[in-house]
Amino acid sequence: MKINETRRRSLLKAVSYRLLEITIDSLILSFFVEVHLAIGLAITLEVICFILHYGFERVFNKINYGREIS
């Protein structure tokens, strides 16, 4: 039996993680720069990271190392 994540699941994981990251990054950056600039920086960085994260999840899904199927 082969178990893979669907693209929809990978996308949901990436989006939900990035939304959490944007919130945390915005809060941290707002201590150093203006709030609107902090939000803009956080969103820009997280969009880039989102694309990388999604791609990484899809590639890593092809690797079976460490998976146990019972």
PDB file of N, CA and C in Angstrom:
ATOM      1  N   MET A   1       0.853  -1.172   0.000  1.00  0.00           N
ATOM      2  CA  MET A   1       0.000   0.000   0.000  1.00  0.00           C
ATOM      3  C   MET A   1       0.900   1.237   0.000  1.00  0.00           C
ATOM      4  N   LYS A   2       0.586   2.197  -0.845  1.00  0.00           N
ATOM      5  CA  LYS A   2       1.357   3.430  -0.932  1.00  0.00           C
ATOM      6  C   LYS A   2       0.475   4.587  -0.468  1.00  0.00           C
ATOM      7  N   ILE A   3       0.986   5.371   0.452  1.00  0.00           N
ATOM      8  CA  ILE A   3       0.226   6.504   0.981  1.00  0.00           C
ATOM      9  C   ILE A   3       0.934   7.789   0.587  1.00  0.00           C
ATOM     10  N   ASN A   4       0.235   8.662  -0.094  1.00  0.00           N
ATOM     11  CA  ASN A   4       0.752   9.976  -0.479  1.00  0.00           C
ATOM     12  C   ASN A   4      -0.219  11.051  -0.030  1.00  0.00           C
ATOM     13  N   GLU A   5       0.316  12.222   0.220  1.00  0.00           N
ATOM     14  CA  GLU A   5      -0.545  13.358   0.505  1.00  0.00           C
ATOM     15  C   GLU A   5      -1.065  13.922  -0.811  1.00  0.00           C
ATOM     16  N   THR A   6      -2.306  14.386  -0.774  1.00  0.00           N
ATOM     17  CA  THR A   6      -2.857  15.034  -1.961  1.00  0.00           C
ATOM     18  C   THR A   6      -2.291  16.444  -2.070  1.00  0.00           C
ATOM     19  N   ARG A   7      -2.378  17.019  -3.229  1.00  0.00           N
ATOM     20  CA  ARG A   7      -1.931  18.395  -3.425  1.00  0.00           C
ATOM     21  C   ARG A   7      -2.741  19.356  -2.562  1.00  0.00           C
ATOM     22  N   ARG A   8      -4.026  19.067  -2.426  1.00  0.00           N
ATOM     23  CA  ARG A   8      -4.892  19.910  -1.599  1.00  0.00           C
ATOM     24  C   ARG A   8      -4.416  19.917  -0.143  1.00  0.00           C
ATOM     25  N   ARG A   9      -4.026  18.745   0.381  1.00  0.00           N
ATOM     26  CA  ARG A   9      -3.523  18.653   1.756  1.00  0.00           C
ATOM     27  C   ARG A   9      -2.207  19.424   1.902  1.00  0.00           C
ATOM     28  N   SER A  10      -1.300  19.260   0.951  1.00  0.00           N
ATOM     29  CA  SER A  10      -0.032  19.991   0.992  1.00  0.00           C
ATOM     30  C   SER A  10      -0.280  21.497   0.945  1.00  0.00           C
ATOM     31  N   LEU A  11      -1.210  21.916   0.106  1.00  0.00           N
ATOM     32  CA  LEU A  11      -1.534  23.335  -0.013  1.00  0.00           C
ATOM     33  C   LEU A  11      -2.135  23.865   1.285  1.00  0.00           C
ATOM     34  N   LEU A  12      -3.046  23.118   1.881  1.00  0.00           N
ATOM     35  CA  LEU A  12      -3.665  23.533   3.145  1.00  0.00           C
ATOM     36  C   LEU A  12      -2.623  23.646   4.254  1.00  0.00           C
ATOM     37  N   LYS A  13      -1.719  22.678   4.339  1.00  0.00           N
ATOM     38  CA  LYS A  13      -0.656  22.725   5.347  1.00  0.00           C
ATOM     39  C   LYS A  13       0.220  23.951   5.141  1.00  0.00           C
ATOM     40  N   ALA A  14       0.605  24.217   3.903  1.00  0.00           N
ATOM     41  CA  ALA A  14       1.483  25.349   3.614  1.00  0.00           C
ATOM     42  C   ALA A  14       0.795  26.677   3.922  1.00  0.00           C
ATOM     43  N   VAL A  15      -0.464  26.825   3.515  1.00  0.00           N
ATOM     44  CA  VAL A  15      -1.191  28.078   3.745  1.00  0.00           C
ATOM     45  C   VAL A  15      -1.414  28.318   5.235  1.00  0.00           C
ATOM     46  N   SER A  16      -1.856  27.305   5.964  1.00  0.00           N
ATOM     47  CA  SER A  16      -2.132  27.502   7.385  1.00  0.00           C
ATOM     48  C   SER A  16      -0.855  27.819   8.160  1.00  0.00           C
ATOM     49  N   TYR A  17       0.239  27.178   7.809  1.00  0.00           N
ATOM     50  CA  TYR A  17       1.515  27.461   8.473  1.00  0.00           C
ATOM     51  C   TYR A  17       1.984  28.873   8.158  1.00  0.00           C
ATOM     52  N   ARG A  18       1.822  29.290   6.918  1.00  0.00           N
ATOM     53  CA  ARG A  18       2.266  30.633   6.519  1.00  0.00           C
ATOM     54  C   ARG A  18       1.415  31.717   7.176  1.00  0.00           C
ATOM     55  N   LEU A  19       0.127  31.496   7.358  1.00  0.00           N
ATOM     56  CA  LEU A  19      -0.707  32.478   8.048  1.00  0.00           C
ATOM     57  C   LEU A  19      -0.243  32.653   9.495  1.00  0.00           C
ATOM     58  N   LEU A  20       0.108  31.560  10.132  1.00  0.00           N
ATOM     59  CA  LEU A  20       0.659  31.626  11.481  1.00  0.00           C
ATOM     60  C   LEU A  20       1.978  32.405  11.478  1.00  0.00           C
ATOM     61  N   GLU A  21       2.823  32.126  10.524  1.00  0.00           N
ATOM     62  CA  GLU A  21       4.109  32.822  10.408  1.00  0.00           C
ATOM     63  C   GLU A  21       3.923  34.323  10.156  1.00  0.00           C
ATOM     64  N   ILE A  22       2.993  34.697   9.295  1.00  0.00           N
ATOM     65  CA  ILE A  22       2.745  36.114   9.011  1.00  0.00           C
ATOM     66  C   ILE A  22       2.340  36.838  10.286  1.00  0.00           C
ATOM     67  N   THR A  23       1.473  36.226  11.069  1.00  0.00           N
ATOM     68  CA  THR A  23       1.029  36.832  12.321  1.00  0.00           C
ATOM     69  C   THR A  23       2.202  37.034  13.278  1.00  0.00           C
ATOM     70  N   ILE A  24       2.996  35.997  13.465  1.00  0.00           N
ATOM     71  CA  ILE A  24       4.132  36.088  14.377  1.00  0.00           C
ATOM     72  C   ILE A  24       5.168  37.085  13.873  1.00  0.00           C
ATOM     73  N   ASP A  25       5.498  37.011  12.581  1.00  0.00           N
ATOM     74  CA  ASP A  25       6.480  37.936  12.004  1.00  0.00           C
ATOM     75  C   ASP A  25       6.029  39.388  12.120  1.00  0.00           C
ATOM     76  N   SER A  26       4.749  39.631  11.869  1.00  0.00           N
ATOM     77  CA  SER A  26       4.223  41.000  11.954  1.00  0.00           C
ATOM     78  C   SER A  26       4.344  41.544  13.372  1.00  0.00           C
ATOM     79  N   LEU A  27       4.028  40.705  14.333  1.00  0.00           N
ATOM     80  CA  LEU A  27       4.134  41.145  15.732  1.00  0.00           C
ATOM     81  C   LEU A  27       5.578  41.466  16.097  1.00  0.00           C
ATOM     82  N   ILE A  28       6.498  40.614  15.716  1.00  0.00           N
ATOM     83  CA  ILE A  28       7.911  40.842  16.036  1.00  0.00           C
ATOM     84  C   ILE A  28       8.443  42.065  15.299  1.00  0.00           C
ATOM     85  N   LEU A  29       8.173  42.167  13.998  1.00  0.00           N
ATOM     86  CA  LEU A  29       8.677  43.291  13.213  1.00  0.00           C
ATOM     87  C   LEU A  29       8.087  44.623  13.656  1.00  0.00           C
ATOM     88  N   SER A  30       6.875  44.612  14.179  1.00  0.00           N
ATOM     89  CA  SER A  30       6.236  45.871  14.581  1.00  0.00           C
ATOM     90  C   SER A  30       6.957  46.538  15.753  1.00  0.00           C
ATOM     91  N   PHE A  31       7.798  45.803  16.455  1.00  0.00           N
ATOM     92  CA  PHE A  31       8.607  46.408  17.516  1.00  0.00           C
ATOM     93  C   PHE A  31       9.756  47.227  16.941  1.00  0.00           C
ATOM     94  N   PHE A  32      10.132  46.975  15.694  1.00  0.00           N
ATOM     95  CA  PHE A  32      11.295  47.615  15.092  1.00  0.00           C
ATOM     96  C   PHE A  32      10.950  48.624  14.002  1.00  0.00           C
ATOM     97  N   VAL A  33       9.824  48.449  13.327  1.00  0.00           N
ATOM     98  CA  VAL A  33       9.401  49.365  12.261  1.00  0.00           C
ATOM     99  C   VAL A  33       7.917  49.658  12.429  1.00  0.00           C
ATOM    100  N   GLU A  34       7.398  50.555  11.595  1.00  0.00           N
ATOM    101  CA  GLU A  34       5.973  50.882  11.652  1.00  0.00           C
ATOM    102  C   GLU A  34       5.132  49.648  11.317  1.00  0.00           C
ATOM    103  N   VAL A  35       3.941  49.612  11.870  1.00  0.00           N
ATOM    104  CA  VAL A  35       3.082  48.436  11.744  1.00  0.00           C
ATOM    105  C   VAL A  35       2.785  48.100  10.285  1.00  0.00           C
ATOM    106  N   HIS A  36       2.418  49.089   9.461  1.00  0.00           N
ATOM    107  CA  HIS A  36       2.068  48.785   8.068  1.00  0.00           C
ATOM    108  C   HIS A  36       3.280  48.255   7.299  1.00  0.00           C
ATOM    109  N   LEU A  37       4.462  48.755   7.607  1.00  0.00           N
ATOM    110  CA  LEU A  37       5.681  48.252   6.977  1.00  0.00           C
ATOM    111  C   LEU A  37       5.979  46.831   7.456  1.00  0.00           C
ATOM    112  N   ALA A  38       5.770  46.574   8.732  1.00  0.00           N
ATOM    113  CA  ALA A  38       5.989  45.237   9.292  1.00  0.00           C
ATOM    114  C   ALA A  38       5.079  44.213   8.618  1.00  0.00           C
ATOM    115  N   ILE A  39       3.827  44.571   8.421  1.00  0.00           N
ATOM    116  CA  ILE A  39       2.881  43.653   7.781  1.00  0.00           C
ATOM    117  C   ILE A  39       3.284  43.399   6.333  1.00  0.00           C
ATOM    118  N   GLY A  40       3.677  44.449   5.625  1.00  0.00           N
ATOM    119  CA  GLY A  40       4.111  44.298   4.239  1.00  0.00           C
ATOM    120  C   GLY A  40       5.340  43.409   4.107  1.00  0.00           C
ATOM    121  N   LEU A  41       6.318  43.624   4.979  1.00  0.00           N
ATOM    122  CA  LEU A  41       7.518  42.791   4.963  1.00  0.00           C
ATOM    123  C   LEU A  41       7.184  41.338   5.283  1.00  0.00           C
ATOM    124  N   ALA A  42       6.355  41.143   6.291  1.00  0.00           N
ATOM    125  CA  ALA A  42       5.980  39.782   6.686  1.00  0.00           C
ATOM    126  C   ALA A  42       5.263  39.059   5.555  1.00  0.00           C
ATOM    127  N   ILE A  43       4.334  39.734   4.901  1.00  0.00           N
ATOM    128  CA  ILE A  43       3.589  39.099   3.807  1.00  0.00           C
ATOM    129  C   ILE A  43       4.519  38.766   2.648  1.00  0.00           C
ATOM    130  N   THR A  44       5.397  39.688   2.278  1.00  0.00           N
ATOM    131  CA  THR A  44       6.336  39.441   1.177  1.00  0.00           C
ATOM    132  C   THR A  44       7.222  38.238   1.467  1.00  0.00           C
ATOM    133  N   LEU A  45       7.801  38.206   2.648  1.00  0.00           N
ATOM    134  CA  LEU A  45       8.667  37.086   3.017  1.00  0.00           C
ATOM    135  C   LEU A  45       7.902  35.770   3.055  1.00  0.00           C
ATOM    136  N   GLU A  46       6.697  35.803   3.565  1.00  0.00           N
ATOM    137  CA  GLU A  46       5.932  34.567   3.696  1.00  0.00           C
ATOM    138  C   GLU A  46       5.409  34.056   2.369  1.00  0.00           C
ATOM    139  N   VAL A  47       5.126  34.934   1.424  1.00  0.00           N
ATOM    140  CA  VAL A  47       4.715  34.465   0.092  1.00  0.00           C
ATOM    141  C   VAL A  47       5.868  33.700  -0.551  1.00  0.00           C
ATOM    142  N   ILE A  48       7.074  34.242  -0.432  1.00  0.00           N
ATOM    143  CA  ILE A  48       8.250  33.548  -0.959  1.00  0.00           C
ATOM    144  C   ILE A  48       8.431  32.206  -0.251  1.00  0.00           C
ATOM    145  N   CYS A  49       8.340  32.216   1.064  1.00  0.00           N
ATOM    146  CA  CYS A  49       8.488  30.981   1.833  1.00  0.00           C
ATOM    147  C   CYS A  49       7.369  29.982   1.535  1.00  0.00           C
ATOM    148  N   PHE A  50       6.175  30.481   1.287  1.00  0.00           N
ATOM    149  CA  PHE A  50       5.045  29.607   0.947  1.00  0.00           C
ATOM    150  C   PHE A  50       5.343  28.819  -0.317  1.00  0.00           C
ATOM    151  N   ILE A  51       5.823  29.498  -1.334  1.00  0.00           N
ATOM    152  CA  ILE A  51       6.137  28.830  -2.598  1.00  0.00           C
ATOM    153  C   ILE A  51       7.206  27.758  -2.374  1.00  0.00           C
ATOM    154  N   LEU A  52       8.235  28.102  -1.620  1.00  0.00           N
ATOM    155  CA  LEU A  52       9.296  27.133  -1.328  1.00  0.00           C
ATOM    156  C   LEU A  52       8.775  25.963  -0.486  1.00  0.00           C
ATOM    157  N   HIS A  53       7.944  26.270   0.508  1.00  0.00           N
ATOM    158  CA  HIS A  53       7.400  25.232   1.386  1.00  0.00           C
ATOM    159  C   HIS A  53       6.524  24.259   0.599  1.00  0.00           C
ATOM    160  N   TYR A  54       5.655  24.774  -0.234  1.00  0.00           N
ATOM    161  CA  TYR A  54       4.762  23.920  -1.020  1.00  0.00           C
ATOM    162  C   TYR A  54       5.576  22.998  -1.928  1.00  0.00           C
ATOM    163  N   GLY A  55       6.558  23.572  -2.615  1.00  0.00           N
ATOM    164  CA  GLY A  55       7.417  22.766  -3.482  1.00  0.00           C
ATOM    165  C   GLY A  55       8.171  21.706  -2.705  1.00  0.00           C
ATOM    166  N   PHE A  56       8.687  22.082  -1.543  1.00  0.00           N
ATOM    167  CA  PHE A  56       9.412  21.148  -0.691  1.00  0.00           C
ATOM    168  C   PHE A  56       8.514  20.002  -0.253  1.00  0.00           C
ATOM    169  N   GLU A  57       7.285  20.310   0.153  1.00  0.00           N
ATOM    170  CA  GLU A  57       6.334  19.278   0.571  1.00  0.00           C
ATOM    171  C   GLU A  57       6.058  18.301  -0.568  1.00  0.00           C
ATOM    172  N   ARG A  58       5.880  18.807  -1.770  1.00  0.00           N
ATOM    173  CA  ARG A  58       5.574  17.942  -2.912  1.00  0.00           C
ATOM    174  C   ARG A  58       6.752  17.040  -3.248  1.00  0.00           C
ATOM    175  N   VAL A  59       7.966  17.577  -3.213  1.00  0.00           N
ATOM    176  CA  VAL A  59       9.153  16.766  -3.492  1.00  0.00           C
ATOM    177  C   VAL A  59       9.356  15.745  -2.376  1.00  0.00           C
ATOM    178  N   PHE A  60       9.258  16.176  -1.124  1.00  0.00           N
ATOM    179  CA  PHE A  60       9.490  15.290   0.002  1.00  0.00           C
ATOM    180  C   PHE A  60       8.450  14.180   0.064  1.00  0.00           C
ATOM    181  N   ASN A  61       7.262  14.428  -0.460  1.00  0.00           N
ATOM    182  CA  ASN A  61       6.209  13.425  -0.490  1.00  0.00           C
ATOM    183  C   ASN A  61       6.595  12.228  -1.361  1.00  0.00           C
ATOM    184  N   LYS A  62       7.508  12.428  -2.291  1.00  0.00           N
ATOM    185  CA  LYS A  62       7.958  11.347  -3.173  1.00  0.00           C
ATOM    186  C   LYS A  62       8.950  10.413  -2.484  1.00  0.00           C
ATOM    187  N   ILE A  63       9.478  10.829  -1.329  1.00  0.00           N
ATOM    188  CA  ILE A  63      10.485  10.049  -0.612  1.00  0.00           C
ATOM    189  C   ILE A  63       9.791   9.202   0.449  1.00  0.00           C
ATOM    190  N   ASN A  64      10.029   7.911   0.410  1.00  0.00           N
ATOM    191  CA  ASN A  64       9.362   7.006   1.346  1.00  0.00           C
ATOM    192  C   ASN A  64      10.172   6.775   2.621  1.00  0.00           C
ATOM    193  N   TYR A  65      11.375   7.257   2.695  1.00  0.00           N
ATOM    194  CA  TYR A  65      12.219   7.036   3.860  1.00  0.00           C
ATOM    195  C   TYR A  65      11.515   7.516   5.135  1.00  0.00           C
ATOM    196  N   GLY A  66      11.463   6.664   6.148  1.00  0.00           N
ATOM    197  CA  GLY A  66      10.880   7.021   7.437  1.00  0.00           C
ATOM    198  C   GLY A  66       9.386   6.831   7.540  1.00  0.00           C
ATOM    199  N   ARG A  67       8.741   6.386   6.504  1.00  0.00           N
ATOM    200  CA  ARG A  67       7.296   6.132   6.556  1.00  0.00           C
ATOM    201  C   ARG A  67       7.043   4.706   6.988  1.00  0.00           C
ATOM    202  N   GLU A  68       6.059   4.543   7.840  1.00  0.00           N
ATOM    203  CA  GLU A  68       5.633   3.213   8.247  1.00  0.00           C
ATOM    204  C   GLU A  68       4.166   3.069   7.913  1.00  0.00           C
ATOM    205  N   ILE A  69       3.858   2.018   7.228  1.00  0.00           N
ATOM    206  CA  ILE A  69       2.473   1.750   6.854  1.00  0.00           C
ATOM    207  C   ILE A  69       2.049   0.462   7.546  1.00  0.00           C
ATOM    208  N   SER A  70       0.985   0.568   8.323  1.00  0.00           N
ATOM    209  CA  SER A  70       0.545  -0.630   9.046  1.00  0.00           C
ATOM    210  C   SER A  70      -0.769  -1.135   8.501  1.00  0.00           C
TER     211      SER A  70
END
